[in-house]
Amino acid sequence: TSSSANKLLNSTSATLSLTLDLWSWFETSRGIESQNNTYRIDQTQLKKSLIQAKNSILDKVQRYKILEKSINAGRLILNKAEEQYKYSKVMYDLGKITIYELQQSTSRLYQSQKSLAGNLTEKFLLGAEILFDLGIKLLPIN
């Protein structure tokens, strides 16, 4: 009977050892698969972040170009407003228009100046944002 007990013990030991080896292999395999999945997810998220950063910069560059066109138009409008103001001033001095009409002309001139100044400020700030996004610092660091 001791030989039957030894055979049973050896058989149980071999089965247990084989089961543990298979389980360890399965766990290792699952761990590697999980790490591969995590790596693929991280790579996808990195690509997504790069695409978003690129699109953000391209959007800002497009807005910058639009602002340039608005500024050019604003300069034309300002020149016309200045001419209109000068004309209105002469006409007021000659008594051909009222103070109200001169004030309207002055108001249009100031509005044109304000609009152009706002667009120039926005363009400057947007340009700084674009440079910052590209890793270029405008201010020296001590």
C-alpha atoms as a PDB file:
ATOM      1  CA  THR A   1       0.000   0.000   0.000  1.00  0.00           C
ATOM      2  CA  SER A   2       2.864   2.390   0.574  1.00  0.00           C
ATOM      3  CA  SER A   3       3.820   1.994  -3.088  1.00  0.00           C
ATOM      4  CA  SER A   4       0.217   2.836  -4.063  1.00  0.00           C
ATOM      5  CA  ALA A   5       0.326   5.841  -1.772  1.00  0.00           C
ATOM      6  CA  ASN A   6       3.648   6.938  -3.355  1.00  0.00           C
ATOM      7  CA  LYS A   7       2.192   6.528  -6.856  1.00  0.00           C
ATOM      8  CA  LEU A   8      -0.876   8.519  -5.864  1.00  0.00           C
ATOM      9  CA  LEU A   9       1.287  11.200  -4.202  1.00  0.00           C
ATOM     10  CA  ASN A  10       3.605  11.396  -7.241  1.00  0.00           C
ATOM     11  CA  SER A  11       0.613  11.531  -9.597  1.00  0.00           C
ATOM     12  CA  THR A  12      -1.042  14.261  -7.530  1.00  0.00           C
ATOM     13  CA  SER A  13       2.250  16.144  -7.311  1.00  0.00           C
ATOM     14  CA  ALA A  14       2.782  15.923 -11.082  1.00  0.00           C
ATOM     15  CA  THR A  15      -0.789  17.032 -11.756  1.00  0.00           C
ATOM     16  CA  LEU A  16      -0.475  19.917  -9.298  1.00  0.00           C
ATOM     17  CA  SER A  17       2.876  20.935 -10.783  1.00  0.00           C
ATOM     18  CA  LEU A  18       1.518  20.796 -14.344  1.00  0.00           C
ATOM     19  CA  THR A  19      -1.570  22.757 -13.297  1.00  0.00           C
ATOM     20  CA  LEU A  20       0.577  25.420 -11.594  1.00  0.00           C
ATOM     21  CA  ASP A  21       2.893  25.633 -14.640  1.00  0.00           C
ATOM     22  CA  LEU A  22      -0.083  26.042 -16.979  1.00  0.00           C
ATOM     23  CA  TRP A  23      -1.613  28.644 -14.669  1.00  0.00           C
ATOM     24  CA  SER A  24       1.665  30.597 -14.454  1.00  0.00           C
ATOM     25  CA  TRP A  25       2.024  30.501 -18.241  1.00  0.00           C
ATOM     26  CA  PHE A  26      -1.582  31.683 -18.635  1.00  0.00           C
ATOM     27  CA  GLU A  27      -1.089  34.541 -16.132  1.00  0.00           C
ATOM     28  CA  THR A  28       2.180  35.578 -17.800  1.00  0.00           C
ATOM     29  CA  SER A  29       0.527  35.471 -21.212  1.00  0.00           C
ATOM     30  CA  ARG A  30      -2.375  37.583 -19.993  1.00  0.00           C
ATOM     31  CA  GLY A  31       0.053  40.057 -18.371  1.00  0.00           C
ATOM     32  CA  ILE A  32       1.982  40.457 -21.635  1.00  0.00           C
ATOM     33  CA  GLU A  33      -1.237  40.850 -23.604  1.00  0.00           C
ATOM     34  CA  SER A  34      -2.460  43.471 -21.128  1.00  0.00           C
ATOM     35  CA  GLN A  35       0.827  45.377 -21.393  1.00  0.00           C
ATOM     36  CA  ASN A  36       0.637  45.259 -25.188  1.00  0.00           C
ATOM     37  CA  ASN A  37      -2.907  46.609 -25.071  1.00  0.00           C
ATOM     38  CA  THR A  38      -1.811  49.371 -22.690  1.00  0.00           C
ATOM     39  CA  TYR A  39       1.071  50.235 -25.045  1.00  0.00           C
ATOM     40  CA  ARG A  40      -1.279  50.415 -28.050  1.00  0.00           C
ATOM     41  CA  ILE A  41      -3.702  52.624 -26.096  1.00  0.00           C
ATOM     42  CA  ASP A  42      -0.841  54.913 -25.034  1.00  0.00           C
ATOM     43  CA  GLN A  43       0.387  55.140 -28.641  1.00  0.00           C
ATOM     44  CA  THR A  44      -3.126  55.959 -29.849  1.00  0.00           C
ATOM     45  CA  GLN A  45      -3.531  58.628 -27.182  1.00  0.00           C
ATOM     46  CA  LEU A  46      -0.145  60.107 -28.120  1.00  0.00           C
ATOM     47  CA  LYS A  47      -1.144  60.246 -31.797  1.00  0.00           C
ATOM     48  CA  LYS A  48      -4.451  61.850 -30.814  1.00  0.00           C
ATOM     49  CA  SER A  49      -2.648  64.462 -28.713  1.00  0.00           C
ATOM     50  CA  LEU A  50      -0.228  65.250 -31.532  1.00  0.00           C
ATOM     51  CA  ILE A  51      -3.078  65.614 -34.023  1.00  0.00           C
ATOM     52  CA  GLN A  52      -4.966  67.887 -31.613  1.00  0.00           C
ATOM     53  CA  ALA A  53      -1.856  70.041 -31.053  1.00  0.00           C
ATOM     54  CA  LYS A  54      -1.233  70.288 -34.796  1.00  0.00           C
ATOM     55  CA  ASN A  55      -4.867  71.193 -35.485  1.00  0.00           C
ATOM     56  CA  SER A  56      -4.801  73.803 -32.715  1.00  0.00           C
ATOM     57  CA  ILE A  57      -1.730  75.464 -34.214  1.00  0.00           C
ATOM     58  CA  LEU A  58      -3.174  75.312 -37.737  1.00  0.00           C
ATOM     59  CA  ASP A  59      -6.406  76.865 -36.450  1.00  0.00           C
ATOM     60  CA  LYS A  60      -4.462  79.690 -34.802  1.00  0.00           C
ATOM     61  CA  VAL A  61      -2.416  80.278 -37.958  1.00  0.00           C
ATOM     62  CA  GLN A  62      -5.649  80.475 -39.967  1.00  0.00           C
ATOM     63  CA  ARG A  63      -7.123  82.960 -37.486  1.00  0.00           C
ATOM     64  CA  TYR A  64      -3.857  84.953 -37.685  1.00  0.00           C
ATOM     65  CA  LYS A  65      -4.161  85.178 -41.483  1.00  0.00           C
ATOM     66  CA  ILE A  66      -7.774  86.296 -41.183  1.00  0.00           C
ATOM     67  CA  LEU A  67      -6.736  88.965 -38.686  1.00  0.00           C
ATOM     68  CA  GLU A  68      -4.109  90.220 -41.151  1.00  0.00           C
ATOM     69  CA  LYS A  69      -6.843  90.701 -43.749  1.00  0.00           C
ATOM     70  CA  SER A  70      -9.088  92.402 -41.176  1.00  0.00           C
ATOM     71  CA  ILE A  71      -6.239  94.724 -40.223  1.00  0.00           C
ATOM     72  CA  ASN A  72      -5.641  95.670 -43.851  1.00  0.00           C
ATOM     73  CA  ALA A  73      -9.353  96.395 -44.250  1.00  0.00           C
ATOM     74  CA  GLY A  74      -9.320  98.291 -40.942  1.00  0.00           C
ATOM     75  CA  ARG A  75      -6.494 100.508 -42.182  1.00  0.00           C
ATOM     76  CA  LEU A  76      -8.497 101.360 -45.300  1.00  0.00           C
ATOM     77  CA  ILE A  77     -11.568 102.128 -43.183  1.00  0.00           C
ATOM     78  CA  LEU A  78      -9.460 104.279 -40.850  1.00  0.00           C
ATOM     79  CA  ASN A  79      -8.010 106.235 -43.781  1.00  0.00           C
ATOM     80  CA  LYS A  80     -11.513 106.885 -45.108  1.00  0.00           C
ATOM     81  CA  ALA A  81     -12.721 107.892 -41.638  1.00  0.00           C
ATOM     82  CA  GLU A  82      -9.798 110.313 -41.288  1.00  0.00           C
ATOM     83  CA  GLU A  83     -10.591 111.846 -44.669  1.00  0.00           C
ATOM     84  CA  GLN A  84     -14.259 112.110 -43.757  1.00  0.00           C
ATOM     85  CA  TYR A  85     -13.390 113.736 -40.432  1.00  0.00           C
ATOM     86  CA  LYS A  86     -11.126 116.311 -42.119  1.00  0.00           C
ATOM     87  CA  TYR A  87     -13.831 117.070 -44.653  1.00  0.00           C
ATOM     88  CA  SER A  88     -16.461 117.343 -41.907  1.00  0.00           C
ATOM     89  CA  LYS A  89     -14.204 119.642 -39.890  1.00  0.00           C
ATOM     90  CA  VAL A  90     -13.796 121.967 -42.884  1.00  0.00           C
ATOM     91  CA  MET A  91     -17.528 121.875 -43.576  1.00  0.00           C
ATOM     92  CA  TYR A  92     -18.289 122.626 -39.907  1.00  0.00           C
ATOM     93  CA  ASP A  93     -15.831 125.544 -39.918  1.00  0.00           C
ATOM     94  CA  LEU A  94     -17.633 126.865 -43.004  1.00  0.00           C
ATOM     95  CA  GLY A  95     -20.974 126.462 -41.252  1.00  0.00           C
ATOM     96  CA  LYS A  96     -22.248 123.877 -43.749  1.00  0.00           C
ATOM     97  CA  ILE A  97     -22.879 121.096 -41.216  1.00  0.00           C
ATOM     98  CA  THR A  98     -24.009 120.981 -37.607  1.00  0.00           C
ATOM     99  CA  ILE A  99     -21.966 120.021 -34.558  1.00  0.00           C
ATOM    100  CA  TYR A 100     -23.994 116.813 -34.416  1.00  0.00           C
ATOM    101  CA  GLU A 101     -22.770 115.796 -37.890  1.00  0.00           C
ATOM    102  CA  LEU A 102     -19.181 116.647 -36.909  1.00  0.00           C
ATOM    103  CA  GLN A 103     -19.562 114.512 -33.774  1.00  0.00           C
ATOM    104  CA  GLN A 104     -20.821 111.612 -35.873  1.00  0.00           C
ATOM    105  CA  SER A 105     -17.761 111.878 -38.091  1.00  0.00           C
ATOM    106  CA  THR A 106     -15.511 112.064 -35.024  1.00  0.00           C
ATOM    107  CA  SER A 107     -17.260 109.044 -33.534  1.00  0.00           C
ATOM    108  CA  ARG A 108     -16.701 107.001 -36.722  1.00  0.00           C
ATOM    109  CA  LEU A 109     -13.025 107.998 -36.663  1.00  0.00           C
ATOM    110  CA  TYR A 110     -12.618 106.881 -33.035  1.00  0.00           C
ATOM    111  CA  GLN A 111     -14.512 103.654 -33.692  1.00  0.00           C
ATOM    112  CA  SER A 112     -12.223 102.891 -36.646  1.00  0.00           C
ATOM    113  CA  GLN A 113      -9.145 103.539 -34.491  1.00  0.00           C
ATOM    114  CA  LYS A 114     -10.488 101.377 -31.682  1.00  0.00           C
ATOM    115  CA  SER A 115     -11.356  98.511 -34.041  1.00  0.00           C
ATOM    116  CA  LEU A 116      -7.936  98.596 -35.695  1.00  0.00           C
ATOM    117  CA  ALA A 117      -6.176  98.735 -32.325  1.00  0.00           C
ATOM    118  CA  GLY A 118      -8.211  95.740 -31.103  1.00  0.00           C
ATOM    119  CA  ASN A 119      -7.357  93.702 -34.183  1.00  0.00           C
ATOM    120  CA  LEU A 120      -3.659  94.605 -33.905  1.00  0.00           C
ATOM    121  CA  THR A 121      -3.640  93.597 -30.236  1.00  0.00           C
ATOM    122  CA  GLU A 122      -5.426  90.338 -30.986  1.00  0.00           C
ATOM    123  CA  LYS A 123      -2.983  89.583 -33.826  1.00  0.00           C
ATOM    124  CA  PHE A 124       0.007  90.236 -31.564  1.00  0.00           C
ATOM    125  CA  LEU A 125      -1.356  88.017 -28.793  1.00  0.00           C
ATOM    126  CA  LEU A 126      -2.306  85.260 -31.234  1.00  0.00           C
ATOM    127  CA  GLY A 127       1.175  85.396 -32.751  1.00  0.00           C
ATOM    128  CA  ALA A 128       2.638  85.014 -29.260  1.00  0.00           C
ATOM    129  CA  GLU A 129       0.364  82.000 -28.626  1.00  0.00           C
ATOM    130  CA  ILE A 130       1.492  80.374 -31.874  1.00  0.00           C
ATOM    131  CA  LEU A 131       5.154  80.892 -31.021  1.00  0.00           C
ATOM    132  CA  PHE A 132       4.579  79.540 -27.495  1.00  0.00           C
ATOM    133  CA  ASP A 133       2.800  76.473 -28.902  1.00  0.00           C
ATOM    134  CA  LEU A 134       5.828  75.895 -31.134  1.00  0.00           C
ATOM    135  CA  GLY A 135       8.122  76.112 -28.104  1.00  0.00           C
ATOM    136  CA  ILE A 136       9.500  79.583 -28.826  1.00  0.00           C
ATOM    137  CA  LYS A 137       9.619  81.858 -25.797  1.00  0.00           C
ATOM    138  CA  LEU A 138       9.297  85.605 -26.363  1.00  0.00           C
ATOM    139  CA  LEU A 139      10.550  86.761 -22.995  1.00  0.00           C
ATOM    140  CA  PRO A 140      14.115  86.084 -21.854  1.00  0.00           C
ATOM    141  CA  ILE A 141      14.366  83.903 -18.787  1.00  0.00           C
ATOM    142  CA  ASN A 142      16.886  85.056 -16.182  1.00  0.00           C
END
